[in-house]
C-alpha atoms as a PDB file:
ATOM      1  CA  MET A   1      11.206 -13.328  -3.660  1.00  0.00           C
ATOM      2  CA  ASN A   2       8.176 -15.346  -2.829  1.00  0.00           C
ATOM      3  CA  ARG A   3       5.577 -14.431  -5.395  1.00  0.00           C
ATOM      4  CA  LYS A   4       2.525 -15.471  -3.315  1.00  0.00           C
ATOM      5  CA  PRO A   5       0.013 -12.668  -2.352  1.00  0.00           C
ATOM      6  CA  TYR A   6       0.675 -10.845   0.780  1.00  0.00           C
ATOM      7  CA  LEU A   7      -0.724  -8.228   3.162  1.00  0.00           C
ATOM      8  CA  ILE A   8       0.040  -5.421   5.600  1.00  0.00           C
ATOM      9  CA  ALA A   9      -0.486  -5.172   9.375  1.00  0.00           C
ATOM     10  CA  VAL A  10      -0.517  -2.428  11.686  1.00  0.00           C
ATOM     11  CA  THR A  11       2.267  -1.247  13.948  1.00  0.00           C
ATOM     12  CA  GLY A  12       2.205  -0.166  17.547  1.00  0.00           C
ATOM     13  CA  LEU A  13       1.809   3.382  18.756  1.00  0.00           C
ATOM     14  CA  ALA A  14       5.225   5.128  19.745  1.00  0.00           C
ATOM     15  CA  VAL A  15       5.395   5.555  23.530  1.00  0.00           C
ATOM     16  CA  LEU A  16       6.406   9.003  24.507  1.00  0.00           C
ATOM     17  CA  SER A  17       8.858   9.450  27.445  1.00  0.00           C
ATOM     18  CA  VAL A  18       7.883  12.320  29.793  1.00  0.00           C
ATOM     19  CA  GLN A  19      10.177  13.216  32.762  1.00  0.00           C
ATOM     20  CA  ALA A  20       8.219  13.570  35.956  1.00  0.00           C
ATOM     21  CA  LEU A  21       8.586  16.656  38.333  1.00  0.00           C
ATOM     22  CA  GLY A  22       8.836  15.910  42.027  1.00  0.00           C
ATOM     23  CA  SER A  23       6.090  17.667  44.175  1.00  0.00           C
ATOM     24  CA  PRO A  24       6.416  18.548  48.050  1.00  0.00           C
ATOM     25  CA  ASN A  25       3.966  15.731  48.914  1.00  0.00           C
ATOM     26  CA  GLY A  26       6.421  13.191  47.200  1.00  0.00           C
ATOM     27  CA  LEU A  27       4.007  12.561  44.169  1.00  0.00           C
ATOM     28  CA  ALA A  28       5.522  12.561  40.853  1.00  0.00           C
ATOM     29  CA  LEU A  29       3.774  15.399  38.600  1.00  0.00           C
ATOM     30  CA  THR A  30       3.638  15.343  34.612  1.00  0.00           C
ATOM     31  CA  PRO A  31       4.378  18.798  33.320  1.00  0.00           C
ATOM     32  CA  ALA A  32       1.449  20.428  31.764  1.00  0.00           C
ATOM     33  CA  ASN A  33       3.475  21.400  28.572  1.00  0.00           C
ATOM     34  CA  HIS A  34       4.913  17.934  27.958  1.00  0.00           C
ATOM     35  CA  TYR A  35       1.289  16.508  28.432  1.00  0.00           C
ATOM     36  CA  SER A  36      -0.196  19.160  25.876  1.00  0.00           C
ATOM     37  CA  GLN A  37       2.626  18.447  23.525  1.00  0.00           C
ATOM     38  CA  SER A  38       2.042  14.704  23.540  1.00  0.00           C
ATOM     39  CA  ILE A  39      -1.559  15.215  23.088  1.00  0.00           C
ATOM     40  CA  ILE A  40      -0.991  17.588  20.275  1.00  0.00           C
ATOM     41  CA  SER A  41       1.501  15.105  18.574  1.00  0.00           C
ATOM     42  CA  GLN A  42      -0.912  12.227  19.008  1.00  0.00           C
ATOM     43  CA  ASN A  43      -3.882  14.134  17.554  1.00  0.00           C
ATOM     44  CA  SER A  44      -1.524  15.305  14.389  1.00  0.00           C
ATOM     45  CA  GLU A  45      -0.660  11.790  13.685  1.00  0.00           C
ATOM     46  CA  GLU A  46      -4.139  10.674  14.028  1.00  0.00           C
ATOM     47  CA  GLN A  47      -5.501  13.224  11.779  1.00  0.00           C
ATOM     48  CA  THR A  48      -2.811  12.586   9.159  1.00  0.00           C
ATOM     49  CA  ARG A  49      -3.864   8.921   9.094  1.00  0.00           C
ATOM     50  CA  ILE A  50      -7.449   9.663   8.890  1.00  0.00           C
ATOM     51  CA  LYS A  51      -6.867  12.416   5.899  1.00  0.00           C
ATOM     52  CA  VAL A  52      -4.612   9.951   4.071  1.00  0.00           C
ATOM     53  CA  TYR A  53      -7.304   6.982   4.411  1.00  0.00           C
ATOM     54  CA  GLN A  54     -10.199   9.568   3.107  1.00  0.00           C
ATOM     55  CA  LYS A  55      -8.175  10.696   0.303  1.00  0.00           C
ATOM     56  CA  ALA A  56      -6.699   7.399  -0.831  1.00  0.00           C
ATOM     57  CA  SER A  57      -9.265   4.775   0.007  1.00  0.00           C
ATOM     58  CA  PRO A  58     -11.645   5.378  -2.977  1.00  0.00           C
ATOM     59  CA  ALA A  59      -9.168   4.751  -5.477  1.00  0.00           C
ATOM     60  CA  VAL A  60      -8.008   1.394  -3.915  1.00  0.00           C
ATOM     61  CA  VAL A  61      -9.766  -1.713  -5.421  1.00  0.00           C
ATOM     62  CA  TYR A  62     -10.322  -5.421  -4.725  1.00  0.00           C
ATOM     63  CA  ILE A  63      -9.384  -7.629  -7.467  1.00  0.00           C
ATOM     64  CA  ASN A  64     -10.959 -11.051  -8.072  1.00  0.00           C
ATOM     65  CA  THR A  65      -9.676 -13.310 -10.913  1.00  0.00           C
ATOM     66  CA  GLY A  66     -11.694 -16.331  -9.848  1.00  0.00           C
ATOM     67  CA  LYS A  67      -8.632 -18.206  -8.915  1.00  0.00           C
ATOM     68  CA  THR A  68      -6.670 -15.598  -6.991  1.00  0.00           C
ATOM     69  CA  SER A  69      -7.416 -12.114  -5.423  1.00  0.00           C
ATOM     70  CA  GLY A  70      -5.481  -8.974  -4.380  1.00  0.00           C
ATOM     71  CA  SER A  71      -5.609  -5.336  -4.249  1.00  0.00           C
ATOM     72  CA  GLY A  72      -4.785  -2.521  -6.712  1.00  0.00           C
ATOM     73  CA  PHE A  73      -5.279   1.153  -7.330  1.00  0.00           C
ATOM     74  CA  ILE A  74      -6.487   3.293  -9.910  1.00  0.00           C
ATOM     75  CA  VAL A  75      -4.160   5.844 -11.707  1.00  0.00           C
ATOM     76  CA  SER A  76      -6.284   7.203 -14.556  1.00  0.00           C
ATOM     77  CA  ARG A  77      -9.782   8.647 -14.468  1.00  0.00           C
ATOM     78  CA  ASP A  78     -10.677   6.064 -17.300  1.00  0.00           C
ATOM     79  CA  GLY A  79      -9.899   3.110 -15.150  1.00  0.00           C
ATOM     80  CA  LEU A  80      -6.266   2.216 -15.277  1.00  0.00           C
ATOM     81  CA  ILE A  81      -5.419  -0.121 -12.363  1.00  0.00           C
ATOM     82  CA  ILE A  82      -1.810  -1.086 -11.183  1.00  0.00           C
ATOM     83  CA  THR A  83      -1.395  -4.273  -9.375  1.00  0.00           C
ATOM     84  CA  ASN A  84       1.156  -6.964  -8.768  1.00  0.00           C
ATOM     85  CA  ALA A  85       1.614  -9.685 -11.520  1.00  0.00           C
ATOM     86  CA  HIS A  86       1.300 -12.394  -9.070  1.00  0.00           C
ATOM     87  CA  VAL A  87      -2.149 -11.150  -8.253  1.00  0.00           C
ATOM     88  CA  LEU A  88      -3.042 -12.044 -12.071  1.00  0.00           C
ATOM     89  CA  GLU A  89      -1.405 -15.388 -12.090  1.00  0.00           C
ATOM     90  CA  ASP A  90      -3.125 -17.736 -14.680  1.00  0.00           C
ATOM     91  CA  ALA A  91      -6.174 -14.980 -14.680  1.00  0.00           C
ATOM     92  CA  PRO A  92      -8.517 -14.978 -17.625  1.00  0.00           C
ATOM     93  CA  ALA A  93      -8.711 -11.982 -19.931  1.00  0.00           C
ATOM     94  CA  THR A  94     -11.465 -10.391 -17.837  1.00  0.00           C
ATOM     95  CA  VAL A  95     -11.448 -10.189 -14.138  1.00  0.00           C
ATOM     96  CA  THR A  96     -13.745  -8.536 -11.553  1.00  0.00           C
ATOM     97  CA  VAL A  97     -12.914  -5.120  -9.761  1.00  0.00           C
ATOM     98  CA  ILE A  98     -14.892  -4.254  -6.655  1.00  0.00           C
ATOM     99  CA  LEU A  99     -14.816  -0.534  -5.707  1.00  0.00           C
ATOM    100  CA  GLU A 100     -14.952   1.016  -2.162  1.00  0.00           C
ATOM    101  CA  ASP A 101     -18.658   1.466  -2.506  1.00  0.00           C
ATOM    102  CA  GLY A 102     -19.074  -2.196  -3.348  1.00  0.00           C
ATOM    103  CA  LYS A 103     -19.819  -1.754  -6.948  1.00  0.00           C
ATOM    104  CA  ARG A 104     -18.595  -4.837  -9.242  1.00  0.00           C
ATOM    105  CA  LEU A 105     -17.126  -3.886 -12.559  1.00  0.00           C
ATOM    106  CA  PRO A 106     -15.489  -6.052 -15.194  1.00  0.00           C
ATOM    107  CA  ALA A 107     -11.763  -5.079 -15.993  1.00  0.00           C
ATOM    108  CA  ASP A 108      -9.760  -6.348 -18.719  1.00  0.00           C
ATOM    109  CA  VAL A 109      -5.969  -7.407 -18.281  1.00  0.00           C
ATOM    110  CA  ILE A 110      -3.910  -5.040 -20.102  1.00  0.00           C
ATOM    111  CA  GLY A 111      -0.463  -6.592 -19.587  1.00  0.00           C
ATOM    112  CA  PHE A 112       2.620  -7.248 -17.573  1.00  0.00           C
ATOM    113  CA  ALA A 113       5.754  -5.594 -16.818  1.00  0.00           C
ATOM    114  CA  LYS A 114       8.866  -7.308 -18.728  1.00  0.00           C
ATOM    115  CA  ASN A 115      12.020  -8.526 -17.245  1.00  0.00           C
ATOM    116  CA  GLY A 116      10.112 -10.162 -14.203  1.00  0.00           C
ATOM    117  CA  LEU A 117       8.982  -7.014 -12.532  1.00  0.00           C
ATOM    118  CA  ASP A 118       6.152  -8.034 -10.465  1.00  0.00           C
ATOM    119  CA  LEU A 119       3.707  -5.332 -11.852  1.00  0.00           C
ATOM    120  CA  ALA A 120       0.647  -5.604 -13.992  1.00  0.00           C
ATOM    121  CA  ALA A 121      -2.042  -3.495 -15.388  1.00  0.00           C
ATOM    122  CA  ILE A 122      -5.760  -3.920 -15.830  1.00  0.00           C
ATOM    123  CA  LYS A 123      -8.403  -1.426 -17.259  1.00  0.00           C
ATOM    124  CA  ILE A 124     -12.109  -1.175 -16.045  1.00  0.00           C
ATOM    125  CA  ARG A 125     -14.371  -0.659 -19.060  1.00  0.00           C
ATOM    126  CA  ASN A 126     -16.430   2.183 -19.957  1.00  0.00           C
ATOM    127  CA  GLN A 127     -15.358   4.684 -17.150  1.00  0.00           C
ATOM    128  CA  ARG A 128     -14.536   8.328 -17.509  1.00  0.00           C
ATOM    129  CA  ASN A 129     -14.442   9.913 -13.736  1.00  0.00           C
ATOM    130  CA  LEU A 130     -13.123   7.483 -11.401  1.00  0.00           C
ATOM    131  CA  PRO A 131     -10.973   8.571  -8.282  1.00  0.00           C
ATOM    132  CA  THR A 132      -7.245   8.167  -8.792  1.00  0.00           C
ATOM    133  CA  LEU A 133      -3.990   8.080  -6.909  1.00  0.00           C
ATOM    134  CA  SER A 134      -0.923  10.074  -7.951  1.00  0.00           C
ATOM    135  CA  LEU A 135       2.713   8.969  -7.794  1.00  0.00           C
ATOM    136  CA  ALA A 136       5.152  10.591  -5.568  1.00  0.00           C
ATOM    137  CA  LYS A 137       8.393  11.806  -6.952  1.00  0.00           C
ATOM    138  CA  SER A 138      10.437  10.027  -4.351  1.00  0.00           C
ATOM    139  CA  ALA A 139      10.505   8.130  -0.964  1.00  0.00           C
ATOM    140  CA  GLN A 140      12.939   8.339   1.897  1.00  0.00           C
ATOM    141  CA  VAL A 141      14.117   6.223   5.010  1.00  0.00           C
ATOM    142  CA  GLY A 142      12.390   7.353   8.201  1.00  0.00           C
ATOM    143  CA  GLN A 143       9.118   8.636   6.554  1.00  0.00           C
ATOM    144  CA  SER A 144       5.812   7.553   7.758  1.00  0.00           C
ATOM    145  CA  VAL A 145       4.054   5.035   5.299  1.00  0.00           C
ATOM    146  CA  TYR A 146       0.452   3.980   4.966  1.00  0.00           C
ATOM    147  CA  ALA A 147      -1.125   0.949   3.316  1.00  0.00           C
ATOM    148  CA  ILE A 148      -4.583   0.080   2.013  1.00  0.00           C
ATOM    149  CA  GLY A 149      -5.659  -3.313   0.854  1.00  0.00           C
ATOM    150  CA  SER A 150      -7.822  -6.283   1.196  1.00  0.00           C
ATOM    151  CA  PRO A 151      -6.152  -8.887   3.488  1.00  0.00           C
ATOM    152  CA  PHE A 152      -7.939 -12.166   3.424  1.00  0.00           C
ATOM    153  CA  GLY A 153     -10.211 -11.163   0.844  1.00  0.00           C
ATOM    154  CA  TYR A 154     -13.312  -8.761   0.253  1.00  0.00           C
ATOM    155  CA  ASP A 155     -14.799  -9.219   3.849  1.00  0.00           C
ATOM    156  CA  ASN A 156     -11.617  -7.157   4.937  1.00  0.00           C
ATOM    157  CA  GLN A 157     -11.773  -4.807   1.896  1.00  0.00           C
ATOM    158  CA  ASN A 158      -9.673  -1.464   2.187  1.00  0.00           C
ATOM    159  CA  ASN A 159      -8.044  -2.395   5.467  1.00  0.00           C
ATOM    160  CA  PHE A 160      -5.718   0.462   6.508  1.00  0.00           C
ATOM    161  CA  THR A 161      -2.296   0.121   8.236  1.00  0.00           C
ATOM    162  CA  ALA A 162       0.630   2.225   9.013  1.00  0.00           C
ATOM    163  CA  GLY A 163       4.448   2.090   9.705  1.00  0.00           C
ATOM    164  CA  VAL A 164       7.858   3.560   8.914  1.00  0.00           C
ATOM    165  CA  LEU A 165      10.001   3.217   5.614  1.00  0.00           C
ATOM    166  CA  SER A 166      12.871   1.377   7.201  1.00  0.00           C
ATOM    167  CA  ASN A 167      15.194   0.602   4.106  1.00  0.00           C
ATOM    168  CA  LEU A 168      15.361   1.865   0.585  1.00  0.00           C
ATOM    169  CA  ASP A 169      17.296   0.253  -2.379  1.00  0.00           C
ATOM    170  CA  GLU A 170      16.845   2.583  -5.070  1.00  0.00           C
ATOM    171  CA  GLN A 171      18.892   0.750  -7.857  1.00  0.00           C
ATOM    172  CA  ASP A 172      16.779  -2.502  -7.360  1.00  0.00           C
ATOM    173  CA  GLY A 173      13.544  -0.344  -6.544  1.00  0.00           C
ATOM    174  CA  ILE A 174      12.665  -2.046  -3.415  1.00  0.00           C
ATOM    175  CA  ILE A 175      11.267  -0.639  -0.205  1.00  0.00           C
ATOM    176  CA  LYS A 176      11.157  -2.362   3.230  1.00  0.00           C
ATOM    177  CA  HIS A 177       8.921  -1.090   5.849  1.00  0.00           C
ATOM    178  CA  ASP A 178       7.407  -2.113   8.985  1.00  0.00           C
ATOM    179  CA  ALA A 179       3.653  -2.145   8.310  1.00  0.00           C
ATOM    180  CA  ARG A 180       2.843  -5.823   8.240  1.00  0.00           C
ATOM    181  CA  ILE A 181       1.299  -7.212   4.998  1.00  0.00           C
ATOM    182  CA  ASN A 182      -0.619 -10.571   4.508  1.00  0.00           C
ATOM    183  CA  PRO A 183      -2.369 -12.448   1.686  1.00  0.00           C
ATOM    184  CA  GLY A 184      -4.611 -10.051  -0.238  1.00  0.00           C
ATOM    185  CA  ASN A 185      -2.814  -6.753   0.114  1.00  0.00           C
ATOM    186  CA  SER A 186      -0.417  -7.479  -2.842  1.00  0.00           C
ATOM    187  CA  GLY A 187      -0.947  -4.950  -5.384  1.00  0.00           C
ATOM    188  CA  GLY A 188      -2.177  -2.150  -3.016  1.00  0.00           C
ATOM    189  CA  PRO A 189      -0.585   0.990  -2.758  1.00  0.00           C
ATOM    190  CA  LEU A 190       2.104   2.117  -0.134  1.00  0.00           C
ATOM    191  CA  LEU A 191       1.383   5.779   0.615  1.00  0.00           C
ATOM    192  CA  ASN A 192       3.145   8.930   1.956  1.00  0.00           C
ATOM    193  CA  SER A 193       1.520  11.340   4.389  1.00  0.00           C
ATOM    194  CA  GLN A 194       0.195  13.400   1.310  1.00  0.00           C
ATOM    195  CA  ALA A 195      -1.642  10.169   0.014  1.00  0.00           C
ATOM    196  CA  GLN A 196       0.628   9.717  -3.029  1.00  0.00           C
ATOM    197  CA  VAL A 197       2.126   6.424  -3.969  1.00  0.00           C
ATOM    198  CA  ILE A 198       5.508   5.693  -3.058  1.00  0.00           C
ATOM    199  CA  GLY A 199       5.270   1.780  -3.771  1.00  0.00           C
ATOM    200  CA  VAL A 200       3.343  -1.205  -4.639  1.00  0.00           C
ATOM    201  CA  ASN A 201       3.176  -3.794  -1.630  1.00  0.00           C
ATOM    202  CA  THR A 202       4.298  -7.214  -3.019  1.00  0.00           C
ATOM    203  CA  ALA A 203       5.631  -9.329  -0.379  1.00  0.00           C
ATOM    204  CA  ILE A 204       6.718 -10.163   3.191  1.00  0.00           C
ATOM    205  CA  ARG A 205       9.939 -11.522   4.549  1.00  0.00           C
ATOM    206  CA  LEU A 206       9.769 -14.615   6.397  1.00  0.00           C
ATOM    207  CA  ASP A 207      11.899 -15.578   9.640  1.00  0.00           C
ATOM    208  CA  ARG A 208      13.719 -18.889   9.865  1.00  0.00           C
ATOM    209  CA  ASN A 209      10.839 -20.532  11.415  1.00  0.00           C
ATOM    210  CA  GLY A 210       8.588 -19.558   8.426  1.00  0.00           C
ATOM    211  CA  SER A 211       6.723 -16.716  10.080  1.00  0.00           C
ATOM    212  CA  ASN A 212       6.180 -13.201   9.429  1.00  0.00           C
ATOM    213  CA  SER A 213       9.396 -11.260  10.146  1.00  0.00           C
ATOM    214  CA  GLY A 214       7.705  -8.032  10.445  1.00  0.00           C
ATOM    215  CA  ILE A 215       9.605  -6.825   7.322  1.00  0.00           C
ATOM    216  CA  SER A 216       7.244  -5.963   4.350  1.00  0.00           C
ATOM    217  CA  ILE A 217       8.596  -5.320   0.884  1.00  0.00           C
ATOM    218  CA  ALA A 218       7.222  -2.990  -1.763  1.00  0.00           C
ATOM    219  CA  ILE A 219       8.363  -2.079  -5.312  1.00  0.00           C
ATOM    220  CA  LEU A 220       9.424   1.669  -5.488  1.00  0.00           C
ATOM    221  CA  VAL A 221       7.838   4.368  -7.296  1.00  0.00           C
ATOM    222  CA  ASN A 222      10.961   4.663  -9.511  1.00  0.00           C
ATOM    223  CA  LYS A 223       9.807   1.331 -11.100  1.00  0.00           C
ATOM    224  CA  ILE A 224       6.055   2.046 -11.340  1.00  0.00           C
ATOM    225  CA  GLN A 225       6.546   5.334 -13.561  1.00  0.00           C
ATOM    226  CA  PRO A 226       8.458   3.538 -16.243  1.00  0.00           C
ATOM    227  CA  PHE A 227       5.991   0.797 -16.235  1.00  0.00           C
ATOM    228  CA  LEU A 228       3.082   3.528 -16.984  1.00  0.00           C
ATOM    229  CA  THR A 229       5.194   4.939 -19.726  1.00  0.00           C
ATOM    230  CA  ALA A 230       5.556   1.341 -21.156  1.00  0.00           C
ATOM    231  CA  ILE A 231       1.799   0.862 -20.996  1.00  0.00           C
ATOM    232  CA  ARG A 232       1.047   4.126 -23.090  1.00  0.00           C
ATOM    233  CA  GLN A 233       3.772   3.029 -25.417  1.00  0.00           C
ATOM    234  CA  GLY A 234       2.334  -0.503 -25.762  1.00  0.00           C
ATOM    235  CA  ASN A 235       5.769  -1.823 -24.649  1.00  0.00           C
ATOM    236  CA  ILE A 236       4.313  -4.506 -22.125  1.00  0.00           C
ATOM    237  CA  SER A 237       4.002  -8.230 -22.229  1.00  0.00           C
ATOM    238  CA  ARG A 238       0.470  -9.704 -22.763  1.00  0.00           C
ATOM    239  CA  LEU A 239       1.805 -12.849 -20.873  1.00  0.00           C
ATOM    240  CA  ARG A 240       3.706 -12.876 -17.494  1.00  0.00           C
ATOM    241  CA  ARG A 241       7.308 -13.477 -17.881  1.00  0.00           C
END
C-alpha cells in the first residue's frame, strides 16, 4: 500500500425515484406522500451528518511535524491521539497539534504499532479535559460512513465528507469506502452515524492511469483497540518499523 498521506472527498447525493401519476389534463403529478417521504428522508440524512460533525469535530486535530502533516483524533481526555505512522515519517520527538478552535499545542511522539501496521500515537502535554472520540464495536458493509480531516493542510482543517462502507476485510483489518480521501486526511477518523470511530483513514486506491479510483482505504477498528492496549502496556515501537 502506498504510504503517502491521503484525504477524503464527498460523495454525491442519492437520487430518489418517484412514480408520477397521470392527471386529466395530461400533466404528470408527483404523489404528495412520495414527496413528503423524500423530504423527510433527505432531512434525516442531513441531520445525521450535522450531528456527527458537531459531536466528532472537536476531537479531530491537525498534526504538523515540520516535514509532513496529517490528521488525528483524541481518544483520552489527557490528550492521547491516534494517527497514521506515515504521518509521523521522520518526525521529531515533539510535533505541533492544532485543535478545532485553532489552539496550537505541543505533542510528544509516543510510538508506533509493530509489524508494519500504519498506526502511531502522540500525546498532548499537560491536558486533562479534552474532547474525545470513542471506538465502535464493529462495522458492516452498507452502513453510512463519515470522515473528518485536513485535506491539503491547515487551511482546510476539519473538512467533512460522507460515503458508504463498500467492502470489509476483518482478517486483514481493512475497510474500503467511497468517501474520497486526499493528502492530509491520513490519520483522521472514519465514523459511523453515532460519531464512533470505525476506522483510521489511510490511503486511496489509484486506477491504471494513476488517478483517484474513488476507493478509499481505512484501518478497521479491530486493529485500533489492540494498539491502544499495547500503548497502555508499553508494548509499542519507538521507531517506525
